[in-house]
Amino acid sequence: MSVFWQTVLAIFAAVGLYCTLHAGYELLFYHSLRHKGNAELTLYGDGCDASAEQLIATALHMRRRYLPGLAITFVEIGNGQGQNVAKRLAVRQDIMYLE
């Protein structure tokens, strides 16, 4: 076998070994950190703004998918004119709402 083909096979072997080790790492550490880790996320925004609903929905998705122990706090910095979407979502989704 030529040196070129030996090099190609060695590269494939190295990539395969890396993929195997990386998958093992994710199985061991990702799941252990997911179940034991705690985090806190503080969101600042106008609760009456339409983007507040999207911001809270994204934070809830991250909590559901990656960190079940994530504590979310929404801090109201707007003037409070109109329908407050953030306050309504905070009550339903276990989010601390601060005015």
PDB file of N, CA and C in Angstrom:
ATOM      1  N   MET A   1       0.857  -1.165   0.000  1.00  0.00           N
ATOM      2  CA  MET A   1       0.000   0.000   0.000  1.00  0.00           C
ATOM      3  C   MET A   1       0.906   1.232   0.000  1.00  0.00           C
ATOM      4  N   SER A   2       0.531   2.207  -0.791  1.00  0.00           N
ATOM      5  CA  SER A   2       1.368   3.403  -0.909  1.00  0.00           C
ATOM      6  C   SER A   2       1.213   4.290   0.323  1.00  0.00           C
ATOM      7  N   VAL A   3       2.131   5.207   0.435  1.00  0.00           N
ATOM      8  CA  VAL A   3       2.124   6.140   1.567  1.00  0.00           C
ATOM      9  C   VAL A   3       0.877   7.026   1.531  1.00  0.00           C
ATOM     10  N   PHE A   4       0.436   7.379   0.340  1.00  0.00           N
ATOM     11  CA  PHE A   4      -0.764   8.209   0.206  1.00  0.00           C
ATOM     12  C   PHE A   4      -1.982   7.514   0.825  1.00  0.00           C
ATOM     13  N   TRP A   5      -2.207   6.251   0.483  1.00  0.00           N
ATOM     14  CA  TRP A   5      -3.362   5.531   1.004  1.00  0.00           C
ATOM     15  C   TRP A   5      -3.238   5.265   2.506  1.00  0.00           C
ATOM     16  N   GLN A   6      -2.029   5.065   2.968  1.00  0.00           N
ATOM     17  CA  GLN A   6      -1.828   4.900   4.415  1.00  0.00           C
ATOM     18  C   GLN A   6      -2.185   6.191   5.153  1.00  0.00           C
ATOM     19  N   THR A   7      -1.837   7.316   4.562  1.00  0.00           N
ATOM     20  CA  THR A   7      -2.171   8.619   5.157  1.00  0.00           C
ATOM     21  C   THR A   7      -3.685   8.834   5.180  1.00  0.00           C
ATOM     22  N   VAL A   8      -4.351   8.498   4.080  1.00  0.00           N
ATOM     23  CA  VAL A   8      -5.809   8.653   4.004  1.00  0.00           C
ATOM     24  C   VAL A   8      -6.486   7.780   5.058  1.00  0.00           C
ATOM     25  N   LEU A   9      -6.058   6.535   5.185  1.00  0.00           N
ATOM     26  CA  LEU A   9      -6.638   5.644   6.189  1.00  0.00           C
ATOM     27  C   LEU A   9      -6.358   6.127   7.606  1.00  0.00           C
ATOM     28  N   ALA A  10      -5.182   6.664   7.840  1.00  0.00           N
ATOM     29  CA  ALA A  10      -4.848   7.194   9.166  1.00  0.00           C
ATOM     30  C   ALA A  10      -5.730   8.388   9.508  1.00  0.00           C
ATOM     31  N   ILE A  11      -6.009   9.227   8.524  1.00  0.00           N
ATOM     32  CA  ILE A  11      -6.876  10.384   8.759  1.00  0.00           C
ATOM     33  C   ILE A  11      -8.296   9.924   9.092  1.00  0.00           C
ATOM     34  N   PHE A  12      -8.809   8.953   8.324  1.00  0.00           N
ATOM     35  CA  PHE A  12     -10.138   8.421   8.614  1.00  0.00           C
ATOM     36  C   PHE A  12     -10.193   7.765   9.994  1.00  0.00           C
ATOM     37  N   ALA A  13      -9.151   7.082  10.372  1.00  0.00           N
ATOM     38  CA  ALA A  13      -9.105   6.454  11.690  1.00  0.00           C
ATOM     39  C   ALA A  13      -9.106   7.512  12.789  1.00  0.00           C
ATOM     40  N   ALA A  14      -8.347   8.583  12.586  1.00  0.00           N
ATOM     41  CA  ALA A  14      -8.294   9.654  13.584  1.00  0.00           C
ATOM     42  C   ALA A  14      -9.657  10.343  13.717  1.00  0.00           C
ATOM     43  N   VAL A  15     -10.322  10.598  12.599  1.00  0.00           N
ATOM     44  CA  VAL A  15     -11.640  11.235  12.633  1.00  0.00           C
ATOM     45  C   VAL A  15     -12.643  10.313  13.324  1.00  0.00           C
ATOM     46  N   GLY A  16     -12.589   9.023  13.023  1.00  0.00           N
ATOM     47  CA  GLY A  16     -13.494   8.068  13.662  1.00  0.00           C
ATOM     48  C   GLY A  16     -13.266   7.984  15.155  1.00  0.00           C
ATOM     49  N   LEU A  17     -12.001   7.992  15.574  1.00  0.00           N
ATOM     50  CA  LEU A  17     -11.688   7.965  17.004  1.00  0.00           C
ATOM     51  C   LEU A  17     -12.199   9.228  17.684  1.00  0.00           C
ATOM     52  N   TYR A  18     -12.013  10.379  17.046  1.00  0.00           N
ATOM     53  CA  TYR A  18     -12.492  11.640  17.612  1.00  0.00           C
ATOM     54  C   TYR A  18     -14.018  11.610  17.761  1.00  0.00           C
ATOM     55  N   CYS A  19     -14.717  11.162  16.741  1.00  0.00           N
ATOM     56  CA  CYS A  19     -16.192  11.111  16.798  1.00  0.00           C
ATOM     57  C   CYS A  19     -16.667  10.186  17.910  1.00  0.00           C
ATOM     58  N   THR A  20     -16.008   9.066  18.071  1.00  0.00           N
ATOM     59  CA  THR A  20     -16.373   8.125  19.129  1.00  0.00           C
ATOM     60  C   THR A  20     -16.143   8.732  20.505  1.00  0.00           C
ATOM     61  N   LEU A  21     -14.992   9.355  20.700  1.00  0.00           N
ATOM     62  CA  LEU A  21     -14.704   9.983  21.997  1.00  0.00           C
ATOM     63  C   LEU A  21     -15.651  11.153  22.278  1.00  0.00           C
ATOM     64  N   HIS A  22     -15.962  11.931  21.256  1.00  0.00           N
ATOM     65  CA  HIS A  22     -16.863  13.066  21.442  1.00  0.00           C
ATOM     66  C   HIS A  22     -18.276  12.592  21.805  1.00  0.00           C
ATOM     67  N   ALA A  23     -18.745  11.545  21.161  1.00  0.00           N
ATOM     68  CA  ALA A  23     -20.071  11.003  21.487  1.00  0.00           C
ATOM     69  C   ALA A  23     -20.100  10.467  22.917  1.00  0.00           C
ATOM     70  N   GLY A  24     -19.038   9.795  23.332  1.00  0.00           N
ATOM     71  CA  GLY A  24     -18.954   9.318  24.716  1.00  0.00           C
ATOM     72  C   GLY A  24     -18.949  10.454  25.710  1.00  0.00           C
ATOM     73  N   TYR A  25     -18.205  11.513  25.402  1.00  0.00           N
ATOM     74  CA  TYR A  25     -18.158  12.695  26.263  1.00  0.00           C
ATOM     75  C   TYR A  25     -19.550  13.307  26.419  1.00  0.00           C
ATOM     76  N   GLU A  26     -20.261  13.461  25.297  1.00  0.00           N
ATOM     77  CA  GLU A  26     -21.600  14.059  25.374  1.00  0.00           C
ATOM     78  C   GLU A  26     -22.555  13.185  26.181  1.00  0.00           C
ATOM     79  N   LEU A  27     -22.475  11.890  26.006  1.00  0.00           N
ATOM     80  CA  LEU A  27     -23.362  11.011  26.765  1.00  0.00           C
ATOM     81  C   LEU A  27     -23.093  11.089  28.255  1.00  0.00           C
ATOM     82  N   LEU A  28     -21.830  11.150  28.631  1.00  0.00           N
ATOM     83  CA  LEU A  28     -21.485  11.184  30.052  1.00  0.00           C
ATOM     84  C   LEU A  28     -21.738  12.542  30.687  1.00  0.00           C
ATOM     85  N   PHE A  29     -21.163  13.587  30.117  1.00  0.00           N
ATOM     86  CA  PHE A  29     -21.160  14.880  30.781  1.00  0.00           C
ATOM     87  C   PHE A  29     -22.383  15.730  30.465  1.00  0.00           C
ATOM     88  N   TYR A  30     -22.890  15.658  29.258  1.00  0.00           N
ATOM     89  CA  TYR A  30     -24.047  16.470  28.900  1.00  0.00           C
ATOM     90  C   TYR A  30     -25.251  16.094  29.753  1.00  0.00           C
ATOM     91  N   HIS A  31     -25.518  14.809  29.889  1.00  0.00           N
ATOM     92  CA  HIS A  31     -26.684  14.390  30.657  1.00  0.00           C
ATOM     93  C   HIS A  31     -26.488  14.608  32.151  1.00  0.00           C
ATOM     94  N   SER A  32     -25.281  14.435  32.656  1.00  0.00           N
ATOM     95  CA  SER A  32     -25.077  14.661  34.086  1.00  0.00           C
ATOM     96  C   SER A  32     -25.188  16.142  34.424  1.00  0.00           C
ATOM     97  N   LEU A  33     -24.676  17.014  33.564  1.00  0.00           N
ATOM     98  CA  LEU A  33     -24.802  18.448  33.819  1.00  0.00           C
ATOM     99  C   LEU A  33     -26.242  18.916  33.638  1.00  0.00           C
ATOM    100  N   ARG A  34     -26.946  18.327  32.708  1.00  0.00           N
ATOM    101  CA  ARG A  34     -28.324  18.734  32.455  1.00  0.00           C
ATOM    102  C   ARG A  34     -29.206  18.458  33.665  1.00  0.00           C
ATOM    103  N   HIS A  35     -28.999  17.352  34.339  1.00  0.00           N
ATOM    104  CA  HIS A  35     -29.866  16.991  35.443  1.00  0.00           C
ATOM    105  C   HIS A  35     -29.423  17.588  36.774  1.00  0.00           C
ATOM    106  N   LYS A  36     -28.162  17.956  36.892  1.00  0.00           N
ATOM    107  CA  LYS A  36     -27.676  18.472  38.163  1.00  0.00           C
ATOM    108  C   LYS A  36     -27.440  19.973  38.150  1.00  0.00           C
ATOM    109  N   GLY A  37     -27.301  20.570  36.986  1.00  0.00           N
ATOM    110  CA  GLY A  37     -26.936  21.976  36.896  1.00  0.00           C
ATOM    111  C   GLY A  37     -28.094  22.920  37.161  1.00  0.00           C
ATOM    112  N   ASN A  38     -27.782  24.056  37.738  1.00  0.00           N
ATOM    113  CA  ASN A  38     -28.749  25.120  37.966  1.00  0.00           C
ATOM    114  C   ASN A  38     -28.223  26.387  37.326  1.00  0.00           C
ATOM    115  N   ALA A  39     -29.118  27.187  36.836  1.00  0.00           N
ATOM    116  CA  ALA A  39     -28.733  28.448  36.210  1.00  0.00           C
ATOM    117  C   ALA A  39     -29.852  29.455  36.421  1.00  0.00           C
ATOM    118  N   GLU A  40     -29.504  30.712  36.232  1.00  0.00           N
ATOM    119  CA  GLU A  40     -30.495  31.782  36.359  1.00  0.00           C
ATOM    120  C   GLU A  40     -30.375  32.688  35.147  1.00  0.00           C
ATOM    121  N   LEU A  41     -31.508  33.015  34.549  1.00  0.00           N
ATOM    122  CA  LEU A  41     -31.555  33.890  33.387  1.00  0.00           C
ATOM    123  C   LEU A  41     -32.428  35.087  33.732  1.00  0.00           C
ATOM    124  N   THR A  42     -31.890  36.280  33.546  1.00  0.00           N
ATOM    125  CA  THR A  42     -32.637  37.500  33.807  1.00  0.00           C
ATOM    126  C   THR A  42     -32.876  38.207  32.484  1.00  0.00           C
ATOM    127  N   LEU A  43     -34.143  38.448  32.173  1.00  0.00           N
ATOM    128  CA  LEU A  43     -34.529  39.123  30.944  1.00  0.00           C
ATOM    129  C   LEU A  43     -35.017  40.524  31.282  1.00  0.00           C
ATOM    130  N   TYR A  44     -34.575  41.512  30.526  1.00  0.00           N
ATOM    131  CA  TYR A  44     -35.008  42.893  30.704  1.00  0.00           C
ATOM    132  C   TYR A  44     -35.764  43.319  29.454  1.00  0.00           C
ATOM    133  N   GLY A  45     -36.932  43.907  29.632  1.00  0.00           N
ATOM    134  CA  GLY A  45     -37.676  44.359  28.462  1.00  0.00           C
ATOM    135  C   GLY A  45     -39.003  44.966  28.818  1.00  0.00           C
ATOM    136  N   ASP A  46     -39.681  45.456  27.789  1.00  0.00           N
ATOM    137  CA  ASP A  46     -41.024  46.022  27.927  1.00  0.00           C
ATOM    138  C   ASP A  46     -42.015  44.881  27.771  1.00  0.00           C
ATOM    139  N   GLY A  47     -42.755  44.579  28.815  1.00  0.00           N
ATOM    140  CA  GLY A  47     -43.699  43.470  28.795  1.00  0.00           C
ATOM    141  C   GLY A  47     -44.843  43.660  27.828  1.00  0.00           C
ATOM    142  N   CYS A  48     -45.102  44.886  27.421  1.00  0.00           N
ATOM    143  CA  CYS A  48     -46.180  45.163  26.473  1.00  0.00           C
ATOM    144  C   CYS A  48     -45.711  45.086  25.027  1.00  0.00           C
ATOM    145  N   ASP A  49     -44.427  44.969  24.815  1.00  0.00           N
ATOM    146  CA  ASP A  49     -43.866  44.873  23.474  1.00  0.00           C
ATOM    147  C   ASP A  49     -44.067  43.459  22.928  1.00  0.00           C
ATOM    148  N   ALA A  50     -44.264  43.346  21.639  1.00  0.00           N
ATOM    149  CA  ALA A  50     -44.495  42.032  21.028  1.00  0.00           C
ATOM    150  C   ALA A  50     -43.260  41.143  21.101  1.00  0.00           C
ATOM    151  N   SER A  51     -42.091  41.735  21.146  1.00  0.00           N
ATOM    152  CA  SER A  51     -40.868  40.930  21.197  1.00  0.00           C
ATOM    153  C   SER A  51     -40.677  40.265  22.565  1.00  0.00           C
ATOM    154  N   ALA A  52     -41.366  40.749  23.594  1.00  0.00           N
ATOM    155  CA  ALA A  52     -41.251  40.146  24.925  1.00  0.00           C
ATOM    156  C   ALA A  52     -41.797  38.718  24.920  1.00  0.00           C
ATOM    157  N   GLU A  53     -42.866  38.490  24.182  1.00  0.00           N
ATOM    158  CA  GLU A  53     -43.436  37.147  24.099  1.00  0.00           C
ATOM    159  C   GLU A  53     -42.446  36.185  23.429  1.00  0.00           C
ATOM    160  N   GLN A  54     -41.793  36.640  22.365  1.00  0.00           N
ATOM    161  CA  GLN A  54     -40.807  35.803  21.682  1.00  0.00           C
ATOM    162  C   GLN A  54     -39.597  35.553  22.571  1.00  0.00           C
ATOM    163  N   LEU A  55     -39.172  36.551  23.316  1.00  0.00           N
ATOM    164  CA  LEU A  55     -38.034  36.416  24.216  1.00  0.00           C
ATOM    165  C   LEU A  55     -38.324  35.393  25.314  1.00  0.00           C
ATOM    166  N   ILE A  56     -39.502  35.452  25.891  1.00  0.00           N
ATOM    167  CA  ILE A  56     -39.885  34.509  26.937  1.00  0.00           C
ATOM    168  C   ILE A  56     -40.065  33.104  26.366  1.00  0.00           C
ATOM    169  N   ALA A  57     -40.628  33.000  25.172  1.00  0.00           N
ATOM    170  CA  ALA A  57     -40.798  31.689  24.545  1.00  0.00           C
ATOM    171  C   ALA A  57     -39.446  31.036  24.271  1.00  0.00           C
ATOM    172  N   THR A  58     -38.467  31.813  23.859  1.00  0.00           N
ATOM    173  CA  THR A  58     -37.123  31.284  23.629  1.00  0.00           C
ATOM    174  C   THR A  58     -36.492  30.825  24.931  1.00  0.00           C
ATOM    175  N   ALA A  59     -36.658  31.606  25.986  1.00  0.00           N
ATOM    176  CA  ALA A  59     -36.114  31.215  27.294  1.00  0.00           C
ATOM    177  C   ALA A  59     -36.778  29.938  27.804  1.00  0.00           C
ATOM    178  N   LEU A  60     -38.082  29.810  27.602  1.00  0.00           N
ATOM    179  CA  LEU A  60     -38.783  28.594  28.025  1.00  0.00           C
ATOM    180  C   LEU A  60     -38.328  27.374  27.225  1.00  0.00           C
ATOM    181  N   HIS A  61     -38.059  27.572  25.944  1.00  0.00           N
ATOM    182  CA  HIS A  61     -37.550  26.477  25.118  1.00  0.00           C
ATOM    183  C   HIS A  61     -36.180  26.020  25.615  1.00  0.00           C
ATOM    184  N   MET A  62     -35.326  26.968  25.965  1.00  0.00           N
ATOM    185  CA  MET A  62     -33.997  26.617  26.486  1.00  0.00           C
ATOM    186  C   MET A  62     -34.115  25.869  27.811  1.00  0.00           C
ATOM    187  N   ARG A  63     -35.064  26.289  28.646  1.00  0.00           N
ATOM    188  CA  ARG A  63     -35.249  25.599  29.926  1.00  0.00           C
ATOM    189  C   ARG A  63     -35.751  24.173  29.702  1.00  0.00           C
ATOM    190  N   ARG A  64     -36.701  24.016  28.804  1.00  0.00           N
ATOM    191  CA  ARG A  64     -37.240  22.686  28.531  1.00  0.00           C
ATOM    192  C   ARG A  64     -36.189  21.775  27.893  1.00  0.00           C
ATOM    193  N   ARG A  65     -35.419  22.305  26.981  1.00  0.00           N
ATOM    194  CA  ARG A  65     -34.507  21.478  26.187  1.00  0.00           C
ATOM    195  C   ARG A  65     -33.180  21.209  26.884  1.00  0.00           C
ATOM    196  N   TYR A  66     -32.580  22.212  27.505  1.00  0.00           N
ATOM    197  CA  TYR A  66     -31.209  22.084  27.992  1.00  0.00           C
ATOM    198  C   TYR A  66     -31.053  22.124  29.503  1.00  0.00           C
ATOM    199  N   LEU A  67     -31.755  23.018  30.186  1.00  0.00           N
ATOM    200  CA  LEU A  67     -31.557  23.190  31.630  1.00  0.00           C
ATOM    201  C   LEU A  67     -32.892  23.201  32.362  1.00  0.00           C
ATOM    202  N   PRO A  68     -33.363  22.066  32.822  1.00  0.00           N
ATOM    203  CA  PRO A  68     -34.644  22.032  33.540  1.00  0.00           C
ATOM    204  C   PRO A  68     -34.619  22.836  34.838  1.00  0.00           C
ATOM    205  N   GLY A  69     -33.443  23.056  35.413  1.00  0.00           N
ATOM    206  CA  GLY A  69     -33.340  23.819  36.649  1.00  0.00           C
ATOM    207  C   GLY A  69     -33.174  25.312  36.441  1.00  0.00           C
ATOM    208  N   LEU A  70     -33.400  25.801  35.229  1.00  0.00           N
ATOM    209  CA  LEU A  70     -33.205  27.216  34.905  1.00  0.00           C
ATOM    210  C   LEU A  70     -34.284  28.075  35.554  1.00  0.00           C
ATOM    211  N   ALA A  71     -33.855  29.057  36.345  1.00  0.00           N
ATOM    212  CA  ALA A  71     -34.781  30.024  36.945  1.00  0.00           C
ATOM    213  C   ALA A  71     -34.797  31.269  36.053  1.00  0.00           C
ATOM    214  N   ILE A  72     -35.976  31.650  35.591  1.00  0.00           N
ATOM    215  CA  ILE A  72     -36.119  32.787  34.685  1.00  0.00           C
ATOM    216  C   ILE A  72     -36.768  33.943  35.427  1.00  0.00           C
ATOM    217  N   THR A  73     -36.171  35.115  35.297  1.00  0.00           N
ATOM    218  CA  THR A  73     -36.705  36.340  35.896  1.00  0.00           C
ATOM    219  C   THR A  73     -36.890  37.370  34.790  1.00  0.00           C
ATOM    220  N   PHE A  74     -38.067  37.976  34.715  1.00  0.00           N
ATOM    221  CA  PHE A  74     -38.334  39.033  33.745  1.00  0.00           C
ATOM    222  C   PHE A  74     -38.444  40.351  34.494  1.00  0.00           C
ATOM    223  N   VAL A  75     -37.613  41.318  34.137  1.00  0.00           N
ATOM    224  CA  VAL A  75     -37.616  42.639  34.770  1.00  0.00           C
ATOM    225  C   VAL A  75     -38.254  43.622  33.799  1.00  0.00           C
ATOM    226  N   GLU A  76     -39.338  44.234  34.251  1.00  0.00           N
ATOM    227  CA  GLU A  76     -40.091  45.188  33.432  1.00  0.00           C
ATOM    228  C   GLU A  76     -39.366  46.531  33.415  1.00  0.00           C
ATOM    229  N   ILE A  77     -39.024  47.009  32.216  1.00  0.00           N
ATOM    230  CA  ILE A  77     -38.381  48.320  32.111  1.00  0.00           C
ATOM    231  C   ILE A  77     -39.212  49.279  31.262  1.00  0.00           C
ATOM    232  N   GLY A  78     -40.382  48.807  30.818  1.00  0.00           N
ATOM    233  CA  GLY A  78     -41.249  49.640  29.983  1.00  0.00           C
ATOM    234  C   GLY A  78     -42.179  50.498  30.822  1.00  0.00           C
ATOM    235  N   ASN A  79     -43.026  51.246  30.125  1.00  0.00           N
ATOM    236  CA  ASN A  79     -43.958  52.137  30.812  1.00  0.00           C
ATOM    237  C   ASN A  79     -45.266  51.451  31.167  1.00  0.00           C
ATOM    238  N   GLY A  80     -45.509  50.240  30.654  1.00  0.00           N
ATOM    239  CA  GLY A  80     -46.707  49.488  31.035  1.00  0.00           C
ATOM    240  C   GLY A  80     -47.970  49.906  30.328  1.00  0.00           C
ATOM    241  N   GLN A  81     -47.864  50.530  29.174  1.00  0.00           N
ATOM    242  CA  GLN A  81     -49.038  50.951  28.410  1.00  0.00           C
ATOM    243  C   GLN A  81     -49.460  49.823  27.474  1.00  0.00           C
ATOM    244  N   GLY A  82     -50.685  49.333  27.629  1.00  0.00           N
ATOM    245  CA  GLY A  82     -51.193  48.282  26.763  1.00  0.00           C
ATOM    246  C   GLY A  82     -51.319  46.961  27.498  1.00  0.00           C
ATOM    247  N   GLN A  83     -51.525  45.898  26.727  1.00  0.00           N
ATOM    248  CA  GLN A  83     -51.691  44.564  27.302  1.00  0.00           C
ATOM    249  C   GLN A  83     -50.309  43.996  27.631  1.00  0.00           C
ATOM    250  N   ASN A  84     -50.113  43.628  28.885  1.00  0.00           N
ATOM    251  CA  ASN A  84     -48.817  43.145  29.342  1.00  0.00           C
ATOM    252  C   ASN A  84     -48.725  41.629  29.129  1.00  0.00           C
ATOM    253  N   VAL A  85     -48.077  41.244  28.040  1.00  0.00           N
ATOM    254  CA  VAL A  85     -47.934  39.836  27.673  1.00  0.00           C
ATOM    255  C   VAL A  85     -46.973  39.127  28.622  1.00  0.00           C
ATOM    256  N   ALA A  86     -45.911  39.801  29.012  1.00  0.00           N
ATOM    257  CA  ALA A  86     -44.895  39.189  29.867  1.00  0.00           C
ATOM    258  C   ALA A  86     -45.460  38.816  31.234  1.00  0.00           C
ATOM    259  N   LYS A  87     -46.294  39.673  31.781  1.00  0.00           N
ATOM    260  CA  LYS A  87     -46.880  39.395  33.091  1.00  0.00           C
ATOM    261  C   LYS A  87     -47.800  38.179  33.021  1.00  0.00           C
ATOM    262  N   ARG A  88     -48.577  38.092  31.953  1.00  0.00           N
ATOM    263  CA  ARG A  88     -49.490  36.961  31.782  1.00  0.00           C
ATOM    264  C   ARG A  88     -48.716  35.649  31.611  1.00  0.00           C
ATOM    265  N   LEU A  89     -47.654  35.673  30.805  1.00  0.00           N
ATOM    266  CA  LEU A  89     -46.849  34.471  30.605  1.00  0.00           C
ATOM    267  C   LEU A  89     -46.081  34.087  31.862  1.00  0.00           C
ATOM    268  N   ALA A  90     -45.649  35.072  32.630  1.00  0.00           N
ATOM    269  CA  ALA A  90     -44.903  34.795  33.854  1.00  0.00           C
ATOM    270  C   ALA A  90     -45.744  34.018  34.854  1.00  0.00           C
ATOM    271  N   VAL A  91     -47.007  34.350  34.943  1.00  0.00           N
ATOM    272  CA  VAL A  91     -47.893  33.649  35.869  1.00  0.00           C
ATOM    273  C   VAL A  91     -48.098  32.201  35.420  1.00  0.00           C
ATOM    274  N   ARG A  92     -48.277  31.999  34.132  1.00  0.00           N
ATOM    275  CA  ARG A  92     -48.565  30.651  33.617  1.00  0.00           C
ATOM    276  C   ARG A  92     -47.339  29.751  33.559  1.00  0.00           C
ATOM    277  N   GLN A  93     -46.144  30.309  33.393  1.00  0.00           N
ATOM    278  CA  GLN A  93     -44.966  29.496  33.112  1.00  0.00           C
ATOM    279  C   GLN A  93     -43.933  29.472  34.238  1.00  0.00           C
ATOM    280  N   ASP A  94     -44.291  29.841  35.443  1.00  0.00           N
ATOM    281  CA  ASP A  94     -43.379  29.817  36.590  1.00  0.00           C
ATOM    282  C   ASP A  94     -42.140  30.695  36.344  1.00  0.00           C
ATOM    283  N   ILE A  95     -42.397  31.935  35.991  1.00  0.00           N
ATOM    284  CA  ILE A  95     -41.334  32.928  35.775  1.00  0.00           C
ATOM    285  C   ILE A  95     -41.542  34.042  36.786  1.00  0.00           C
ATOM    286  N   MET A  96     -40.450  34.459  37.422  1.00  0.00           N
ATOM    287  CA  MET A  96     -40.545  35.578  38.369  1.00  0.00           C
ATOM    288  C   MET A  96     -40.652  36.877  37.567  1.00  0.00           C
ATOM    289  N   TYR A  97     -41.649  37.693  37.883  1.00  0.00           N
ATOM    290  CA  TYR A  97     -41.887  38.956  37.174  1.00  0.00           C
ATOM    291  C   TYR A  97     -41.652  40.102  38.152  1.00  0.00           C
ATOM    292  N   LEU A  98     -40.747  40.997  37.794  1.00  0.00           N
ATOM    293  CA  LEU A  98     -40.437  42.149  38.642  1.00  0.00           C
ATOM    294  C   LEU A  98     -40.763  43.434  37.889  1.00  0.00           C
ATOM    295  N   GLU A  99     -41.463  44.334  38.567  1.00  0.00           N
ATOM    296  CA  GLU A  99     -41.795  45.624  37.947  1.00  0.00           C
ATOM    297  C   GLU A  99     -40.810  46.676  38.335  1.00  0.00           C
TER     298      GLU A  99
END
